[in-house]
PDB file of N, CA and C in Angstrom:
ATOM      1  N   MET A   1       7.364  72.219 -21.449  1.00  0.00           N
ATOM      2  CA  MET A   1       7.380  72.699 -22.889  1.00  0.00           C
ATOM      3  C   MET A   1       7.829  74.000 -22.497  1.00  0.00           C
ATOM      4  N   THR A   2       8.533  74.812 -23.571  1.00  0.00           N
ATOM      5  CA  THR A   2       9.017  75.958 -23.344  1.00  0.00           C
ATOM      6  C   THR A   2       8.261  77.038 -24.020  1.00  0.00           C
ATOM      7  N   GLY A   3       7.239  76.538 -24.793  1.00  0.00           N
ATOM      8  CA  GLY A   3       6.272  77.563 -25.824  1.00  0.00           C
ATOM      9  C   GLY A   3       6.951  77.489 -27.108  1.00  0.00           C
ATOM     10  N   ARG A   4       7.853  77.007 -27.439  1.00  0.00           N
ATOM     11  CA  ARG A   4       8.501  77.344 -28.792  1.00  0.00           C
ATOM     12  C   ARG A   4       8.216  76.123 -29.589  1.00  0.00           C
ATOM     13  N   ILE A   5       8.116  76.202 -30.876  1.00  0.00           N
ATOM     14  CA  ILE A   5       7.795  75.079 -31.779  1.00  0.00           C
ATOM     15  C   ILE A   5       9.007  74.783 -32.371  1.00  0.00           C
ATOM     16  N   SER A   6       9.122  73.531 -32.891  1.00  0.00           N
ATOM     17  CA  SER A   6      10.203  73.038 -33.375  1.00  0.00           C
ATOM     18  C   SER A   6      10.658  73.685 -34.983  1.00  0.00           C
ATOM     19  N   ASP A   7      12.092  73.702 -35.422  1.00  0.00           N
ATOM     20  CA  ASP A   7      12.518  74.512 -36.515  1.00  0.00           C
ATOM     21  C   ASP A   7      11.552  73.720 -37.513  1.00  0.00           C
ATOM     22  N   GLU A   8      11.690  72.454 -37.535  1.00  0.00           N
ATOM     23  CA  GLU A   8      10.610  71.681 -38.787  1.00  0.00           C
ATOM     24  C   GLU A   8       9.239  72.248 -38.898  1.00  0.00           C
ATOM     25  N   ARG A   9       8.531  72.329 -37.630  1.00  0.00           N
ATOM     26  CA  ARG A   9       7.296  72.762 -37.464  1.00  0.00           C
ATOM     27  C   ARG A   9       6.864  74.271 -38.310  1.00  0.00           C
ATOM     28  N   PHE A  10       8.046  75.086 -37.642  1.00  0.00           N
ATOM     29  CA  PHE A  10       8.028  76.163 -38.359  1.00  0.00           C
ATOM     30  C   PHE A  10       8.261  76.629 -39.806  1.00  0.00           C
ATOM     31  N   THR A  11       9.121  75.691 -40.052  1.00  0.00           N
ATOM     32  CA  THR A  11       9.256  75.756 -41.841  1.00  0.00           C
ATOM     33  C   THR A  11       7.917  75.188 -42.284  1.00  0.00           C
ATOM     34  N   GLU A  12       7.401  74.137 -41.918  1.00  0.00           N
ATOM     35  CA  GLU A  12       6.160  73.732 -42.434  1.00  0.00           C
ATOM     36  C   GLU A  12       5.009  74.929 -42.254  1.00  0.00           C
ATOM     37  N   LEU A  13       4.856  75.410 -41.051  1.00  0.00           N
ATOM     38  CA  LEU A  13       3.663  76.317 -41.084  1.00  0.00           C
ATOM     39  C   LEU A  13       3.931  77.534 -42.204  1.00  0.00           C
ATOM     40  N   SER A  14       5.371  77.827 -42.054  1.00  0.00           N
ATOM     41  CA  SER A  14       5.790  79.190 -42.753  1.00  0.00           C
ATOM     42  C   SER A  14       5.457  78.772 -44.357  1.00  0.00           C
ATOM     43  N   ALA A  15       5.743  77.579 -44.814  1.00  0.00           N
ATOM     44  CA  ALA A  15       5.412  77.099 -46.236  1.00  0.00           C
ATOM     45  C   ALA A  15       3.961  77.309 -46.342  1.00  0.00           C
ATOM     46  N   ASP A  16       3.240  76.843 -45.493  1.00  0.00           N
ATOM     47  CA  ASP A  16       1.589  76.717 -45.592  1.00  0.00           C
ATOM     48  C   ASP A  16       1.309  78.193 -45.754  1.00  0.00           C
ATOM     49  N   TYR A  17       1.650  78.911 -44.975  1.00  0.00           N
ATOM     50  CA  TYR A  17       1.454  80.421 -44.936  1.00  0.00           C
ATOM     51  C   TYR A  17       1.935  81.185 -46.270  1.00  0.00           C
ATOM     52  N   GLU A  18       2.755  80.919 -46.662  1.00  0.00           N
ATOM     53  CA  GLU A  18       3.236  81.558 -48.231  1.00  0.00           C
ATOM     54  C   GLU A  18       2.388  81.134 -49.060  1.00  0.00           C
ATOM     55  N   ALA A  19       2.161  79.578 -49.182  1.00  0.00           N
ATOM     56  CA  ALA A  19       1.211  79.121 -50.112  1.00  0.00           C
ATOM     57  C   ALA A  19      -0.260  79.756 -50.240  1.00  0.00           C
ATOM     58  N   GLU A  20      -0.749  79.955 -48.944  1.00  0.00           N
ATOM     59  CA  GLU A  20      -1.925  80.443 -48.763  1.00  0.00           C
ATOM     60  C   GLU A  20      -2.069  82.192 -49.138  1.00  0.00           C
ATOM     61  N   GLN A  21      -0.895  82.731 -48.829  1.00  0.00           N
ATOM     62  CA  GLN A  21      -0.748  84.076 -49.395  1.00  0.00           C
ATOM     63  C   GLN A  21      -0.738  84.184 -50.720  1.00  0.00           C
ATOM     64  N   LYS A  22       0.126  83.298 -51.547  1.00  0.00           N
ATOM     65  CA  LYS A  22      -0.092  83.182 -52.841  1.00  0.00           C
ATOM     66  C   LYS A  22      -1.567  83.017 -53.352  1.00  0.00           C
ATOM     67  N   GLU A  23      -2.116  82.129 -52.960  1.00  0.00           N
ATOM     68  CA  GLU A  23      -3.517  81.743 -53.505  1.00  0.00           C
ATOM     69  C   GLU A  23      -4.251  82.688 -53.336  1.00  0.00           C
ATOM     70  N   LEU A  24      -4.451  83.735 -52.296  1.00  0.00           N
ATOM     71  CA  LEU A  24      -5.269  84.708 -51.912  1.00  0.00           C
ATOM     72  C   LEU A  24      -4.940  85.985 -52.836  1.00  0.00           C
ATOM     73  N   LYS A  25      -3.543  86.304 -53.073  1.00  0.00           N
ATOM     74  CA  LYS A  25      -3.156  87.142 -54.191  1.00  0.00           C
ATOM     75  C   LYS A  25      -3.969  86.710 -55.370  1.00  0.00           C
ATOM     76  N   GLU A  26      -3.743  85.516 -55.866  1.00  0.00           N
ATOM     77  CA  GLU A  26      -4.360  85.114 -57.035  1.00  0.00           C
ATOM     78  C   GLU A  26      -5.776  85.375 -57.363  1.00  0.00           C
ATOM     79  N   LYS A  27      -6.523  84.994 -56.129  1.00  0.00           N
ATOM     80  CA  LYS A  27      -7.696  85.251 -56.275  1.00  0.00           C
ATOM     81  C   LYS A  27      -8.255  86.682 -56.222  1.00  0.00           C
ATOM     82  N   ALA A  28      -7.481  87.385 -55.411  1.00  0.00           N
ATOM     83  CA  ALA A  28      -7.659  88.741 -55.521  1.00  0.00           C
ATOM     84  C   ALA A  28      -7.528  89.360 -56.839  1.00  0.00           C
ATOM     85  N   ALA A  29      -6.529  89.080 -57.538  1.00  0.00           N
ATOM     86  CA  ALA A  29      -6.376  89.510 -58.776  1.00  0.00           C
ATOM     87  C   ALA A  29      -7.260  89.340 -59.699  1.00  0.00           C
ATOM     88  N   ALA A  30      -7.863  88.030 -59.593  1.00  0.00           N
ATOM     89  CA  ALA A  30      -9.058  87.441 -60.623  1.00  0.00           C
ATOM     90  C   ALA A  30     -10.247  88.297 -60.143  1.00  0.00           C
ATOM     91  N   LEU A  31     -10.412  88.608 -59.095  1.00  0.00           N
ATOM     92  CA  LEU A  31     -11.759  89.255 -58.762  1.00  0.00           C
ATOM     93  C   LEU A  31     -11.778  90.524 -58.922  1.00  0.00           C
ATOM     94  N   GLN A  32     -10.720  91.225 -59.032  1.00  0.00           N
ATOM     95  CA  GLN A  32     -10.260  92.635 -59.383  1.00  0.00           C
ATOM     96  C   GLN A  32     -10.455  92.762 -60.845  1.00  0.00           C
ATOM     97  N   SER A  33     -10.063  91.719 -61.761  1.00  0.00           N
ATOM     98  CA  SER A  33     -10.341  91.926 -63.147  1.00  0.00           C
ATOM     99  C   SER A  33     -11.829  91.515 -63.818  1.00  0.00           C
ATOM    100  N   GLU A  34     -12.571  90.912 -62.799  1.00  0.00           N
ATOM    101  CA  GLU A  34     -13.998  90.616 -63.043  1.00  0.00           C
ATOM    102  C   GLU A  34     -14.688  92.045 -62.699  1.00  0.00           C
ATOM    103  N   LEU A  35     -14.191  92.764 -61.686  1.00  0.00           N
ATOM    104  CA  LEU A  35     -14.725  94.017 -61.117  1.00  0.00           C
ATOM    105  C   LEU A  35     -14.487  95.037 -62.224  1.00  0.00           C
ATOM    106  N   SER A  36     -13.539  94.893 -62.889  1.00  0.00           N
ATOM    107  CA  SER A  36     -13.022  95.856 -63.859  1.00  0.00           C
ATOM    108  C   SER A  36     -13.911  95.905 -64.796  1.00  0.00           C
ATOM    109  N   LYS A  37     -14.656  94.829 -65.397  1.00  0.00           N
ATOM    110  CA  LYS A  37     -15.358  94.517 -66.696  1.00  0.00           C
ATOM    111  C   LYS A  37     -16.743  94.851 -66.172  1.00  0.00           C
ATOM    112  N   MET A  38     -17.090  95.178 -65.057  1.00  0.00           N
ATOM    113  CA  MET A  38     -18.589  95.527 -64.638  1.00  0.00           C
ATOM    114  C   MET A  38     -19.058  96.602 -65.150  1.00  0.00           C
ATOM    115  N   PRO A  39     -18.392  97.879 -65.440  1.00  0.00           N
ATOM    116  CA  PRO A  39     -18.868  99.093 -65.763  1.00  0.00           C
ATOM    117  C   PRO A  39     -19.309  98.872 -67.347  1.00  0.00           C
ATOM    118  N   GLU A  40     -18.324  98.169 -68.028  1.00  0.00           N
ATOM    119  CA  GLU A  40     -18.740  97.696 -69.478  1.00  0.00           C
ATOM    120  C   GLU A  40     -19.896  96.820 -69.713  1.00  0.00           C
ATOM    121  N   ALA A  41     -20.115  96.015 -68.715  1.00  0.00           N
ATOM    122  CA  ALA A  41     -21.322  94.932 -68.815  1.00  0.00           C
ATOM    123  C   ALA A  41     -22.671  95.701 -68.263  1.00  0.00           C
ATOM    124  N   THR A  42     -22.413  96.856 -67.457  1.00  0.00           N
ATOM    125  CA  THR A  42     -23.588  97.591 -67.176  1.00  0.00           C
ATOM    126  C   THR A  42     -23.634  98.641 -68.116  1.00  0.00           C
ATOM    127  N   ALA A  43     -23.001  99.009 -68.833  1.00  0.00           N
ATOM    128  CA  ALA A  43     -23.334  99.971 -70.136  1.00  0.00           C
ATOM    129  C   ALA A  43     -23.990  99.203 -71.132  1.00  0.00           C
ATOM    130  N   ASN A  44     -23.535  97.832 -71.252  1.00  0.00           N
ATOM    131  CA  ASN A  44     -24.105  96.954 -72.295  1.00  0.00           C
ATOM    132  C   ASN A  44     -25.707  96.845 -72.103  1.00  0.00           C
ATOM    133  N   ALA A  45     -25.833  96.553 -70.904  1.00  0.00           N
ATOM    134  CA  ALA A  45     -27.270  96.227 -70.511  1.00  0.00           C
ATOM    135  C   ALA A  45     -28.034  97.453 -70.475  1.00  0.00           C
ATOM    136  N   GLU A  46     -27.577  98.632 -70.172  1.00  0.00           N
ATOM    137  CA  GLU A  46     -28.365  99.701 -70.201  1.00  0.00           C
ATOM    138  C   GLU A  46     -28.607 100.193 -71.775  1.00  0.00           C
ATOM    139  N   LYS A  47     -27.734 100.034 -72.589  1.00  0.00           N
ATOM    140  CA  LYS A  47     -27.971 100.137 -74.020  1.00  0.00           C
ATOM    141  C   LYS A  47     -28.995  99.190 -74.541  1.00  0.00           C
ATOM    142  N   PHE A  48     -29.015  97.700 -74.179  1.00  0.00           N
ATOM    143  CA  PHE A  48     -29.946  96.947 -74.470  1.00  0.00           C
ATOM    144  C   PHE A  48     -31.497  97.056 -73.882  1.00  0.00           C
ATOM    145  N   MET A  49     -31.331  97.661 -72.714  1.00  0.00           N
ATOM    146  CA  MET A  49     -32.674  98.168 -72.236  1.00  0.00           C
ATOM    147  C   MET A  49     -33.164  99.309 -72.665  1.00  0.00           C
ATOM    148  N   LYS A  50     -32.229 100.319 -73.168  1.00  0.00           N
ATOM    149  CA  LYS A  50     -32.724 101.562 -73.996  1.00  0.00           C
ATOM    150  C   LYS A  50     -33.643 101.088 -75.302  1.00  0.00           C
ATOM    151  N   VAL A  51     -32.883 100.027 -75.920  1.00  0.00           N
ATOM    152  CA  VAL A  51     -33.322  99.570 -77.138  1.00  0.00           C
ATOM    153  C   VAL A  51     -34.702  98.775 -76.865  1.00  0.00           C
ATOM    154  N   VAL A  52     -34.932  98.026 -75.807  1.00  0.00           N
ATOM    155  CA  VAL A  52     -35.977  97.344 -75.624  1.00  0.00           C
ATOM    156  C   VAL A  52     -37.268  98.293 -75.388  1.00  0.00           C
ATOM    157  N   ARG A  53     -36.827  99.392 -74.590  1.00  0.00           N
ATOM    158  CA  ARG A  53     -38.084 100.378 -74.225  1.00  0.00           C
ATOM    159  C   ARG A  53     -38.377 100.996 -75.383  1.00  0.00           C
ATOM    160  N   LYS A  54     -37.609 101.249 -76.419  1.00  0.00           N
ATOM    161  CA  LYS A  54     -37.782 102.017 -77.744  1.00  0.00           C
ATOM    162  C   LYS A  54     -38.809 101.201 -78.427  1.00  0.00           C
ATOM    163  N   TYR A  55     -38.770  99.892 -78.345  1.00  0.00           N
ATOM    164  CA  TYR A  55     -39.683  99.139 -79.247  1.00  0.00           C
ATOM    165  C   TYR A  55     -40.935  98.600 -78.381  1.00  0.00           C
ATOM    166  N   THR A  56     -40.952  98.843 -76.931  1.00  0.00           N
ATOM    167  CA  THR A  56     -41.972  98.254 -76.216  1.00  0.00           C
ATOM    168  C   THR A  56     -42.909  99.536 -75.834  1.00  0.00           C
ATOM    169  N   ARG A  57     -42.282 100.944 -75.711  1.00  0.00           N
ATOM    170  CA  ARG A  57     -42.966 101.875 -75.261  1.00  0.00           C
ATOM    171  C   ARG A  57     -43.285 102.945 -76.162  1.00  0.00           C
ATOM    172  N   PHE A  58     -44.339 102.803 -76.974  1.00  0.00           N
ATOM    173  CA  PHE A  58     -44.874 103.836 -77.983  1.00  0.00           C
ATOM    174  C   PHE A  58     -46.365 103.761 -77.871  1.00  0.00           C
ATOM    175  N   GLU A  59     -46.665 105.115 -78.301  1.00  0.00           N
ATOM    176  CA  GLU A  59     -48.036 105.566 -78.410  1.00  0.00           C
ATOM    177  C   GLU A  59     -48.978 105.248 -79.602  1.00  0.00           C
ATOM    178  N   GLU A  60     -48.088 105.135 -80.680  1.00  0.00           N
ATOM    179  CA  GLU A  60     -48.677 104.725 -81.869  1.00  0.00           C
ATOM    180  C   GLU A  60     -47.570 104.232 -82.810  1.00  0.00           C
ATOM    181  N   LEU A  61     -47.723 103.330 -83.843  1.00  0.00           N
ATOM    182  CA  LEU A  61     -47.028 102.645 -84.706  1.00  0.00           C
ATOM    183  C   LEU A  61     -46.521 103.692 -85.940  1.00  0.00           C
ATOM    184  N   THR A  62     -45.398 104.251 -85.924  1.00  0.00           N
ATOM    185  CA  THR A  62     -45.278 105.042 -87.217  1.00  0.00           C
ATOM    186  C   THR A  62     -44.885 104.245 -88.368  1.00  0.00           C
ATOM    187  N   PRO A  63     -44.972 104.517 -89.905  1.00  0.00           N
ATOM    188  CA  PRO A  63     -44.395 103.687 -90.646  1.00  0.00           C
ATOM    189  C   PRO A  63     -43.110 103.523 -90.656  1.00  0.00           C
ATOM    190  N   THR A  64     -42.253 104.073 -90.119  1.00  0.00           N
ATOM    191  CA  THR A  64     -40.763 103.655 -89.979  1.00  0.00           C
ATOM    192  C   THR A  64     -40.821 102.629 -89.038  1.00  0.00           C
ATOM    193  N   GLN A  65     -41.282 102.783 -87.647  1.00  0.00           N
ATOM    194  CA  GLN A  65     -41.211 101.541 -86.908  1.00  0.00           C
ATOM    195  C   GLN A  65     -41.961 100.372 -87.523  1.00  0.00           C
ATOM    196  N   GLY A  66     -42.997 100.424 -88.309  1.00  0.00           N
ATOM    197  CA  GLY A  66     -43.702  99.182 -88.623  1.00  0.00           C
ATOM    198  C   GLY A  66     -42.691  98.710 -89.694  1.00  0.00           C
ATOM    199  N   LYS A  67     -42.152  99.465 -90.536  1.00  0.00           N
ATOM    200  CA  LYS A  67     -41.091  98.572 -91.507  1.00  0.00           C
ATOM    201  C   LYS A  67     -40.041  98.281 -90.743  1.00  0.00           C
ATOM    202  N   ALA A  68     -39.290  98.753 -89.778  1.00  0.00           N
ATOM    203  CA  ALA A  68     -38.375  98.048 -89.247  1.00  0.00           C
ATOM    204  C   ALA A  68     -38.520  97.076 -88.621  1.00  0.00           C
ATOM    205  N   GLN A  69     -39.843  97.016 -88.083  1.00  0.00           N
ATOM    206  CA  GLN A  69     -40.333  95.663 -87.283  1.00  0.00           C
ATOM    207  C   GLN A  69     -40.638  94.498 -88.059  1.00  0.00           C
ATOM    208  N   SER A  70     -41.298  94.923 -89.452  1.00  0.00           N
ATOM    209  CA  SER A  70     -41.407  93.837 -90.493  1.00  0.00           C
ATOM    210  C   SER A  70     -40.036  93.244 -90.929  1.00  0.00           C
ATOM    211  N   ARG A  71     -39.072  94.166 -91.259  1.00  0.00           N
ATOM    212  CA  ARG A  71     -37.578  93.717 -91.569  1.00  0.00           C
ATOM    213  C   ARG A  71     -37.373  92.548 -90.605  1.00  0.00           C
ATOM    214  N   ARG A  72     -37.339  93.199 -89.397  1.00  0.00           N
ATOM    215  CA  ARG A  72     -36.817  92.108 -88.161  1.00  0.00           C
ATOM    216  C   ARG A  72     -37.450  90.730 -88.432  1.00  0.00           C
ATOM    217  N   ASN A  73     -38.862  90.915 -88.703  1.00  0.00           N
ATOM    218  CA  ASN A  73     -39.786  89.613 -88.482  1.00  0.00           C
ATOM    219  C   ASN A  73     -39.358  88.580 -89.623  1.00  0.00           C
ATOM    220  N   ARG A  74     -39.156  89.285 -90.899  1.00  0.00           N
ATOM    221  CA  ARG A  74     -38.611  88.718 -92.043  1.00  0.00           C
ATOM    222  C   ARG A  74     -37.401  88.079 -91.822  1.00  0.00           C
ATOM    223  N   ARG A  75     -36.464  88.811 -91.230  1.00  0.00           N
ATOM    224  CA  ARG A  75     -34.999  88.080 -90.960  1.00  0.00           C
ATOM    225  C   ARG A  75     -35.278  86.950 -90.066  1.00  0.00           C
ATOM    226  N   TYR A  76     -36.028  87.289 -88.988  1.00  0.00           N
ATOM    227  CA  TYR A  76     -36.285  86.107 -88.014  1.00  0.00           C
ATOM    228  C   TYR A  76     -36.936  84.764 -88.731  1.00  0.00           C
ATOM    229  N   ARG A  77     -37.897  85.016 -89.401  1.00  0.00           N
ATOM    230  CA  ARG A  77     -38.380  83.769 -90.143  1.00  0.00           C
ATOM    231  C   ARG A  77     -37.423  83.117 -91.036  1.00  0.00           C
ATOM    232  N   GLN A  78     -36.691  83.894 -91.768  1.00  0.00           N
ATOM    233  CA  GLN A  78     -35.607  83.197 -92.618  1.00  0.00           C
ATOM    234  C   GLN A  78     -34.595  82.628 -91.781  1.00  0.00           C
ATOM    235  N   GLU A  79     -34.001  83.017 -90.599  1.00  0.00           N
ATOM    236  CA  GLU A  79     -33.174  82.090 -89.774  1.00  0.00           C
ATOM    237  C   GLU A  79     -33.816  80.957 -89.205  1.00  0.00           C
ATOM    238  N   ILE A  80     -35.254  81.104 -88.996  1.00  0.00           N
ATOM    239  CA  ILE A  80     -35.757  80.033 -88.575  1.00  0.00           C
ATOM    240  C   ILE A  80     -35.854  78.912 -89.627  1.00  0.00           C
ATOM    241  N   PHE A  81     -36.318  79.209 -90.814  1.00  0.00           N
ATOM    242  CA  PHE A  81     -36.573  78.266 -91.603  1.00  0.00           C
ATOM    243  C   PHE A  81     -35.294  77.746 -92.312  1.00  0.00           C
ATOM    244  N   VAL A  82     -34.265  78.517 -92.472  1.00  0.00           N
ATOM    245  CA  VAL A  82     -32.809  78.041 -93.116  1.00  0.00           C
ATOM    246  C   VAL A  82     -32.030  77.398 -92.208  1.00  0.00           C
ATOM    247  N   SER A  83     -32.291  77.273 -90.906  1.00  0.00           N
ATOM    248  CA  SER A  83     -31.638  76.583 -89.837  1.00  0.00           C
ATOM    249  C   SER A  83     -31.728  75.312 -89.705  1.00  0.00           C
TER     250      SER A  83
END
């Protein structure tokens, strides 16, 4: 053996390499797209947690908070019984 591969084998390996490179580029693009959505998802989660804290951490129930909670409860009951 001279340490060389046949032209046919080289062509086959080259095609496999090109296909693998294309697949990796597509995967990298998909992952980059997902990563670009992360800041928005994080911001949405932070907004949600701020609202949760607002309604779970209070010393006393103000009339405004009580009315808002009452409206949410009525809306929830209507959704349950209408569905």
